[in-house]
């Protein structure tokens, strides 16, 4: 088992110990929280959003924007922090986003919606992230 919070678990059983059941469902089983239910949907506080599973820096708060989709949205990530994977579940083709450090599910990325100048929307589950308000 992972001996402390800085060591990443190596098995799903170890992740189950570290994460709450809801966090495990979203982060390790690619689940989705209900729209408008997440802690960070309307948050405007400054800081750094981190992966809830491993603590990796993912999104500076100045990349968060109101997309009115029901989940926190960001138009850019920390370089190298996110990996994209084709997701053909639920009868559609989307691009899943995962933490590059621990391979935990974050949400999906959508391009071409013209919501920001970067034309990108990372639609992220609040259960996948934590806000470190100490690091603007």
N, C-alpha and C. Protein backbone atom coordinates (compact mmCIF):
# COMPACT_ATOMS: atom_id res chain seq x y z
N UNK A 1 0.84 -1.18 0.00
CA UNK A 1 0.00 0.00 0.00
C UNK A 1 0.88 1.24 0.00
N UNK A 2 0.39 2.32 -0.60
CA UNK A 2 1.11 3.58 -0.60
C UNK A 2 1.32 4.03 0.85
N UNK A 3 2.57 4.26 1.26
CA UNK A 3 2.86 4.54 2.66
C UNK A 3 2.44 5.91 3.17
N UNK A 4 2.31 6.91 2.28
CA UNK A 4 1.93 8.24 2.74
C UNK A 4 1.24 8.98 1.61
N UNK A 5 0.82 10.20 1.89
CA UNK A 5 0.08 10.99 0.91
C UNK A 5 0.91 11.41 -0.30
N UNK A 6 2.23 11.38 -0.22
CA UNK A 6 3.06 11.79 -1.35
C UNK A 6 3.35 10.64 -2.31
N UNK A 7 3.14 9.41 -1.87
CA UNK A 7 3.36 8.25 -2.71
C UNK A 7 2.03 7.87 -3.37
N UNK A 8 2.07 7.70 -4.68
CA UNK A 8 0.83 7.35 -5.38
C UNK A 8 0.49 5.88 -5.18
N UNK A 9 -0.78 5.60 -4.98
CA UNK A 9 -1.22 4.20 -4.92
C UNK A 9 -0.88 3.48 -6.22
N UNK A 10 -0.68 2.20 -6.15
CA UNK A 10 -0.36 1.41 -7.34
C UNK A 10 -1.48 0.47 -7.73
N UNK A 11 -2.49 0.32 -6.87
CA UNK A 11 -3.63 -0.55 -7.18
C UNK A 11 -4.92 0.22 -6.95
N UNK A 12 -5.98 -0.27 -7.55
CA UNK A 12 -7.29 0.36 -7.35
C UNK A 12 -7.75 0.19 -5.90
N UNK A 13 -7.38 -0.91 -5.26
CA UNK A 13 -7.73 -1.09 -3.84
C UNK A 13 -7.07 -0.01 -2.98
N UNK A 14 -5.84 0.36 -3.30
CA UNK A 14 -5.16 1.44 -2.57
C UNK A 14 -5.85 2.78 -2.82
N UNK A 15 -6.30 3.02 -4.07
CA UNK A 15 -7.04 4.25 -4.36
C UNK A 15 -8.34 4.28 -3.57
N UNK A 16 -9.02 3.14 -3.41
CA UNK A 16 -10.27 3.09 -2.64
C UNK A 16 -10.06 3.53 -1.20
N UNK A 17 -8.90 3.21 -0.64
CA UNK A 17 -8.59 3.61 0.73
C UNK A 17 -8.37 5.12 0.82
N UNK A 18 -7.72 5.67 -0.19
CA UNK A 18 -7.37 7.09 -0.17
C UNK A 18 -8.55 8.00 -0.49
N UNK A 19 -9.44 7.56 -1.37
CA UNK A 19 -10.52 8.41 -1.86
C UNK A 19 -11.86 8.03 -1.24
N UNK A 20 -12.76 9.00 -1.16
CA UNK A 20 -14.13 8.70 -0.74
C UNK A 20 -14.80 7.88 -1.84
N UNK A 21 -15.92 7.21 -1.54
CA UNK A 21 -16.60 6.45 -2.59
C UNK A 21 -16.98 7.31 -3.81
N UNK A 22 -17.47 8.52 -3.60
CA UNK A 22 -17.82 9.40 -4.73
C UNK A 22 -16.59 9.82 -5.51
N UNK A 23 -15.51 10.17 -4.81
CA UNK A 23 -14.26 10.53 -5.49
C UNK A 23 -13.74 9.35 -6.30
N UNK A 24 -13.78 8.16 -5.74
CA UNK A 24 -13.31 6.97 -6.44
C UNK A 24 -14.13 6.74 -7.71
N UNK A 25 -15.44 6.87 -7.62
CA UNK A 25 -16.32 6.66 -8.78
C UNK A 25 -15.97 7.63 -9.91
N UNK A 26 -15.72 8.89 -9.58
CA UNK A 26 -15.41 9.87 -10.61
C UNK A 26 -13.96 9.75 -11.08
N UNK A 27 -13.03 9.79 -10.15
CA UNK A 27 -11.61 9.82 -10.50
C UNK A 27 -11.07 8.51 -11.08
N UNK A 28 -11.48 7.39 -10.54
CA UNK A 28 -10.90 6.10 -10.95
C UNK A 28 -11.80 5.29 -11.87
N UNK A 29 -13.11 5.61 -11.89
CA UNK A 29 -14.04 4.86 -12.73
C UNK A 29 -14.67 5.74 -13.81
N UNK A 30 -14.12 6.94 -14.00
CA UNK A 30 -14.58 7.88 -15.04
C UNK A 30 -16.05 8.22 -14.91
N UNK A 31 -16.51 8.38 -13.67
CA UNK A 31 -17.88 8.79 -13.43
C UNK A 31 -18.05 10.29 -13.62
N UNK A 32 -19.27 10.75 -13.47
CA UNK A 32 -19.58 12.17 -13.60
C UNK A 32 -20.50 12.57 -12.45
N UNK A 33 -20.22 13.70 -11.84
CA UNK A 33 -21.12 14.19 -10.82
C UNK A 33 -22.30 14.90 -11.50
N UNK A 34 -23.40 15.01 -10.80
CA UNK A 34 -24.58 15.66 -11.36
C UNK A 34 -24.28 17.12 -11.68
N UNK A 35 -24.84 17.65 -12.79
CA UNK A 35 -24.60 19.06 -13.11
C UNK A 35 -25.11 19.97 -12.00
N UNK A 36 -24.41 21.06 -11.80
CA UNK A 36 -24.71 22.09 -10.82
C UNK A 36 -24.56 21.64 -9.38
N UNK A 37 -24.07 20.43 -9.14
CA UNK A 37 -23.94 19.91 -7.78
C UNK A 37 -22.54 20.11 -7.19
N UNK A 38 -21.57 20.41 -8.01
CA UNK A 38 -20.19 20.45 -7.57
C UNK A 38 -19.80 21.69 -6.79
N UNK A 39 -18.87 21.48 -5.92
CA UNK A 39 -18.35 22.54 -5.04
C UNK A 39 -17.78 23.74 -5.79
N UNK A 40 -17.21 23.55 -6.97
CA UNK A 40 -16.49 24.63 -7.66
C UNK A 40 -17.21 25.20 -8.87
N UNK A 41 -18.46 24.85 -9.10
CA UNK A 41 -19.18 25.34 -10.28
C UNK A 41 -19.16 26.87 -10.32
N UNK A 42 -19.46 27.52 -9.22
CA UNK A 42 -19.57 28.99 -9.21
C UNK A 42 -18.43 29.69 -8.48
N UNK A 43 -17.40 28.96 -8.11
CA UNK A 43 -16.29 29.55 -7.36
C UNK A 43 -15.52 30.56 -8.21
N UNK A 44 -15.23 31.71 -7.61
CA UNK A 44 -14.45 32.76 -8.28
C UNK A 44 -13.12 33.02 -7.56
N UNK A 45 -12.83 32.29 -6.51
CA UNK A 45 -11.63 32.52 -5.72
C UNK A 45 -10.37 32.28 -6.53
N UNK A 46 -9.31 33.04 -6.22
CA UNK A 46 -8.03 32.87 -6.89
C UNK A 46 -7.25 31.73 -6.26
N UNK A 47 -6.43 31.10 -7.06
CA UNK A 47 -5.58 30.03 -6.57
C UNK A 47 -5.24 29.05 -7.68
N UNK A 48 -4.84 27.87 -7.28
CA UNK A 48 -4.46 26.81 -8.22
C UNK A 48 -5.36 25.61 -7.98
N UNK A 49 -6.00 25.13 -9.02
CA UNK A 49 -6.79 23.91 -8.93
C UNK A 49 -5.84 22.72 -9.12
N UNK A 50 -5.95 21.76 -8.22
CA UNK A 50 -5.08 20.59 -8.20
C UNK A 50 -5.91 19.32 -8.37
N UNK A 51 -5.25 18.27 -8.81
CA UNK A 51 -5.90 16.96 -8.88
C UNK A 51 -6.24 16.51 -7.47
N UNK A 52 -7.47 16.14 -7.23
CA UNK A 52 -7.89 15.69 -5.90
C UNK A 52 -7.23 14.38 -5.52
N UNK A 53 -6.86 13.56 -6.50
CA UNK A 53 -6.26 12.26 -6.21
C UNK A 53 -4.78 12.37 -5.85
N UNK A 54 -4.02 13.18 -6.59
CA UNK A 54 -2.56 13.18 -6.37
C UNK A 54 -1.97 14.54 -6.02
N UNK A 55 -2.74 15.61 -6.13
CA UNK A 55 -2.26 16.94 -5.78
C UNK A 55 -1.53 17.68 -6.88
N UNK A 56 -1.42 17.11 -8.07
CA UNK A 56 -0.73 17.78 -9.17
C UNK A 56 -1.45 19.08 -9.54
N UNK A 57 -0.68 20.11 -9.86
CA UNK A 57 -1.26 21.37 -10.32
C UNK A 57 -1.86 21.16 -11.71
N UNK A 58 -3.11 21.59 -11.88
CA UNK A 58 -3.81 21.39 -13.15
C UNK A 58 -4.23 22.69 -13.83
N UNK A 59 -4.93 23.56 -13.08
CA UNK A 59 -5.52 24.75 -13.68
C UNK A 59 -5.34 25.98 -12.79
N UNK A 60 -4.66 27.02 -13.29
CA UNK A 60 -4.66 28.29 -12.56
C UNK A 60 -6.07 28.87 -12.58
N UNK A 61 -6.48 29.51 -11.50
CA UNK A 61 -7.85 30.02 -11.40
C UNK A 61 -8.17 31.05 -12.49
N UNK A 62 -7.16 31.72 -13.04
CA UNK A 62 -7.46 32.72 -14.07
C UNK A 62 -7.83 32.08 -15.42
N UNK A 63 -7.80 30.75 -15.50
CA UNK A 63 -8.25 30.06 -16.71
C UNK A 63 -9.69 29.55 -16.56
N UNK A 64 -10.29 29.76 -15.39
CA UNK A 64 -11.67 29.31 -15.14
C UNK A 64 -12.63 30.36 -15.70
N UNK A 65 -13.72 29.89 -16.31
CA UNK A 65 -14.72 30.81 -16.85
C UNK A 65 -16.11 30.22 -16.68
N UNK A 66 -17.12 31.09 -16.78
CA UNK A 66 -18.51 30.67 -16.66
C UNK A 66 -19.00 30.15 -18.01
N UNK A 67 -19.19 28.84 -18.10
CA UNK A 67 -19.69 28.25 -19.33
C UNK A 67 -21.18 27.94 -19.23
N UNK A 68 -21.72 27.99 -18.02
CA UNK A 68 -23.13 27.71 -17.76
C UNK A 68 -23.52 26.29 -18.18
N UNK A 69 -22.56 25.36 -18.03
CA UNK A 69 -22.82 23.97 -18.42
C UNK A 69 -23.10 23.08 -17.21
N UNK A 70 -22.86 23.59 -15.99
CA UNK A 70 -23.13 22.81 -14.79
C UNK A 70 -21.90 22.22 -14.13
N UNK A 71 -20.73 22.39 -14.75
CA UNK A 71 -19.47 21.91 -14.19
C UNK A 71 -18.45 23.03 -14.30
N UNK A 72 -17.42 23.03 -13.46
CA UNK A 72 -16.35 24.02 -13.60
C UNK A 72 -15.71 23.90 -14.98
N UNK A 73 -15.44 25.05 -15.61
CA UNK A 73 -14.84 25.07 -16.94
C UNK A 73 -13.58 25.91 -16.95
N UNK A 74 -12.59 25.42 -17.68
CA UNK A 74 -11.30 26.08 -17.80
C UNK A 74 -10.92 26.11 -19.27
N UNK A 75 -10.24 27.17 -19.72
CA UNK A 75 -9.86 27.21 -21.12
C UNK A 75 -8.38 26.89 -21.36
N UNK A 76 -7.67 26.55 -20.29
CA UNK A 76 -6.27 26.17 -20.44
C UNK A 76 -5.81 25.44 -19.18
N UNK A 77 -4.79 24.62 -19.33
CA UNK A 77 -4.25 23.86 -18.21
C UNK A 77 -2.77 24.14 -18.06
N UNK A 78 -2.21 23.76 -16.92
CA UNK A 78 -0.77 23.83 -16.72
C UNK A 78 -0.13 22.94 -17.80
N UNK A 79 0.87 23.44 -18.52
CA UNK A 79 1.50 22.63 -19.57
C UNK A 79 1.95 21.26 -19.06
N UNK A 80 1.54 20.22 -19.76
CA UNK A 80 1.92 18.85 -19.42
C UNK A 80 1.12 18.20 -18.32
N UNK A 81 0.15 18.92 -17.73
CA UNK A 81 -0.60 18.39 -16.59
C UNK A 81 -1.76 17.48 -16.98
N UNK A 82 -2.24 17.62 -18.20
CA UNK A 82 -3.44 16.91 -18.66
C UNK A 82 -3.08 16.03 -19.85
N UNK A 83 -3.68 14.84 -19.88
CA UNK A 83 -3.58 14.04 -21.10
C UNK A 83 -4.98 13.81 -21.65
N UNK A 84 -5.07 13.75 -22.97
CA UNK A 84 -6.34 13.60 -23.66
C UNK A 84 -6.44 12.20 -24.24
N UNK A 85 -7.64 11.60 -24.10
CA UNK A 85 -7.89 10.25 -24.57
C UNK A 85 -9.24 10.23 -25.29
N UNK A 86 -9.32 9.59 -26.45
CA UNK A 86 -10.61 9.48 -27.13
C UNK A 86 -11.56 8.64 -26.29
N UNK A 87 -12.79 9.13 -26.17
CA UNK A 87 -13.83 8.47 -25.37
C UNK A 87 -15.04 8.27 -26.25
N UNK A 88 -15.35 7.02 -26.57
CA UNK A 88 -16.50 6.73 -27.43
C UNK A 88 -17.66 6.11 -26.64
N UNK A 89 -17.68 6.36 -25.34
CA UNK A 89 -18.77 5.83 -24.51
C UNK A 89 -20.05 6.65 -24.71
N UNK A 90 -21.14 6.12 -24.29
CA UNK A 90 -22.46 6.80 -24.31
C UNK A 90 -22.90 7.19 -25.72
N UNK A 91 -22.46 6.44 -26.73
CA UNK A 91 -22.92 6.65 -28.09
C UNK A 91 -22.43 7.91 -28.77
N UNK A 92 -21.33 8.48 -28.28
CA UNK A 92 -20.76 9.69 -28.89
C UNK A 92 -19.24 9.64 -28.78
N UNK A 93 -18.57 10.45 -29.57
CA UNK A 93 -17.11 10.53 -29.49
C UNK A 93 -16.76 11.87 -28.85
N UNK A 94 -16.04 11.76 -27.72
CA UNK A 94 -15.59 12.95 -27.00
C UNK A 94 -14.12 12.77 -26.68
N UNK A 95 -13.52 13.80 -26.09
CA UNK A 95 -12.15 13.70 -25.65
C UNK A 95 -12.12 13.77 -24.12
N UNK A 96 -11.75 12.66 -23.51
CA UNK A 96 -11.63 12.60 -22.05
C UNK A 96 -10.33 13.27 -21.64
N UNK A 97 -10.35 13.93 -20.49
CA UNK A 97 -9.12 14.48 -19.93
C UNK A 97 -8.80 13.77 -18.62
N UNK A 98 -7.51 13.45 -18.46
CA UNK A 98 -7.02 12.75 -17.28
C UNK A 98 -5.80 13.47 -16.74
N UNK A 99 -5.57 13.33 -15.46
CA UNK A 99 -4.36 13.86 -14.83
C UNK A 99 -3.17 13.09 -15.41
N UNK A 100 -2.19 13.82 -15.89
CA UNK A 100 -1.00 13.18 -16.48
C UNK A 100 -0.16 12.47 -15.42
N UNK A 101 -0.26 12.89 -14.16
CA UNK A 101 0.56 12.28 -13.11
C UNK A 101 -0.02 10.96 -12.61
N UNK A 102 -1.33 10.93 -12.34
CA UNK A 102 -1.90 9.73 -11.71
C UNK A 102 -2.96 9.02 -12.56
N UNK A 103 -3.24 9.55 -13.74
CA UNK A 103 -4.19 8.96 -14.67
C UNK A 103 -5.62 8.96 -14.15
N UNK A 104 -5.96 9.90 -13.28
CA UNK A 104 -7.32 10.00 -12.78
C UNK A 104 -8.19 10.80 -13.75
N UNK A 105 -9.45 10.40 -13.87
CA UNK A 105 -10.42 11.07 -14.75
C UNK A 105 -10.76 12.44 -14.19
N UNK A 106 -10.73 13.44 -15.06
CA UNK A 106 -11.10 14.80 -14.68
C UNK A 106 -12.43 15.22 -15.29
N UNK A 107 -12.63 14.88 -16.54
CA UNK A 107 -13.83 15.28 -17.27
C UNK A 107 -13.59 15.13 -18.76
N UNK A 108 -14.02 16.13 -19.54
CA UNK A 108 -13.85 16.11 -20.99
C UNK A 108 -13.45 17.50 -21.47
N UNK A 109 -12.80 17.54 -22.63
CA UNK A 109 -12.44 18.81 -23.24
C UNK A 109 -13.21 18.95 -24.55
N UNK A 110 -13.70 20.16 -24.78
CA UNK A 110 -14.45 20.47 -25.99
C UNK A 110 -13.79 21.65 -26.68
N UNK A 111 -13.64 21.54 -27.98
CA UNK A 111 -12.98 22.60 -28.76
C UNK A 111 -13.93 23.08 -29.84
N UNK A 112 -13.80 24.35 -30.18
CA UNK A 112 -14.60 24.91 -31.26
C UNK A 112 -15.94 25.48 -30.84
N UNK A 113 -16.16 25.69 -29.56
CA UNK A 113 -17.45 26.22 -29.09
C UNK A 113 -17.49 27.75 -29.07
N UNK A 114 -16.35 28.39 -29.26
CA UNK A 114 -16.24 29.85 -29.29
C UNK A 114 -16.66 30.52 -27.98
N UNK A 115 -16.41 29.85 -26.85
CA UNK A 115 -16.76 30.43 -25.54
C UNK A 115 -15.67 31.35 -25.00
N UNK A 116 -14.43 31.11 -25.41
CA UNK A 116 -13.31 31.95 -24.99
C UNK A 116 -12.40 32.18 -26.19
N UNK A 117 -11.45 33.08 -26.02
CA UNK A 117 -10.50 33.35 -27.10
C UNK A 117 -9.67 32.11 -27.44
N UNK A 118 -9.47 31.23 -26.47
CA UNK A 118 -8.70 30.00 -26.71
C UNK A 118 -9.55 28.91 -27.34
N UNK A 119 -10.87 29.12 -27.39
CA UNK A 119 -11.78 28.22 -28.08
C UNK A 119 -11.73 26.79 -27.53
N UNK A 120 -11.49 26.68 -26.24
CA UNK A 120 -11.37 25.39 -25.57
C UNK A 120 -12.13 25.44 -24.25
N UNK A 121 -12.81 24.32 -23.93
CA UNK A 121 -13.50 24.22 -22.63
C UNK A 121 -13.17 22.89 -22.00
N UNK A 122 -12.38 22.93 -20.92
CA UNK A 122 -12.15 21.75 -20.09
C UNK A 122 -13.30 21.71 -19.11
N UNK A 123 -14.18 20.75 -19.27
CA UNK A 123 -15.36 20.57 -18.43
C UNK A 123 -14.97 19.54 -17.35
N UNK A 124 -14.79 20.01 -16.12
CA UNK A 124 -14.15 19.22 -15.07
C UNK A 124 -15.11 18.97 -13.91
N UNK A 125 -15.11 17.76 -13.40
CA UNK A 125 -15.89 17.44 -12.21
C UNK A 125 -15.26 18.11 -10.98
N UNK A 126 -16.07 18.74 -10.15
CA UNK A 126 -15.54 19.31 -8.90
C UNK A 126 -14.91 18.24 -8.03
N UNK A 127 -15.46 17.02 -8.07
CA UNK A 127 -14.89 15.92 -7.28
C UNK A 127 -13.49 15.52 -7.75
N UNK A 128 -13.07 15.99 -8.92
CA UNK A 128 -11.75 15.66 -9.45
C UNK A 128 -10.68 16.66 -9.04
N UNK A 129 -11.08 17.78 -8.46
CA UNK A 129 -10.14 18.86 -8.19
C UNK A 129 -10.30 19.41 -6.78
N UNK A 130 -9.27 20.09 -6.32
CA UNK A 130 -9.34 20.90 -5.09
C UNK A 130 -8.71 22.24 -5.42
N UNK A 131 -9.15 23.29 -4.75
CA UNK A 131 -8.61 24.62 -4.97
C UNK A 131 -7.65 24.97 -3.85
N UNK A 132 -6.40 25.21 -4.24
CA UNK A 132 -5.38 25.67 -3.30
C UNK A 132 -5.40 27.20 -3.37
N UNK A 133 -6.11 27.81 -2.44
CA UNK A 133 -6.26 29.27 -2.45
C UNK A 133 -4.97 29.99 -2.09
N UNK A 134 -3.99 29.29 -1.59
CA UNK A 134 -2.73 29.91 -1.19
C UNK A 134 -1.81 30.19 -2.37
N UNK A 135 -2.12 29.64 -3.56
CA UNK A 135 -1.24 29.80 -4.72
C UNK A 135 -1.97 30.46 -5.90
N UNK A 136 -2.04 31.78 -5.91
CA UNK A 136 -2.69 32.44 -7.05
C UNK A 136 -1.84 32.38 -8.31
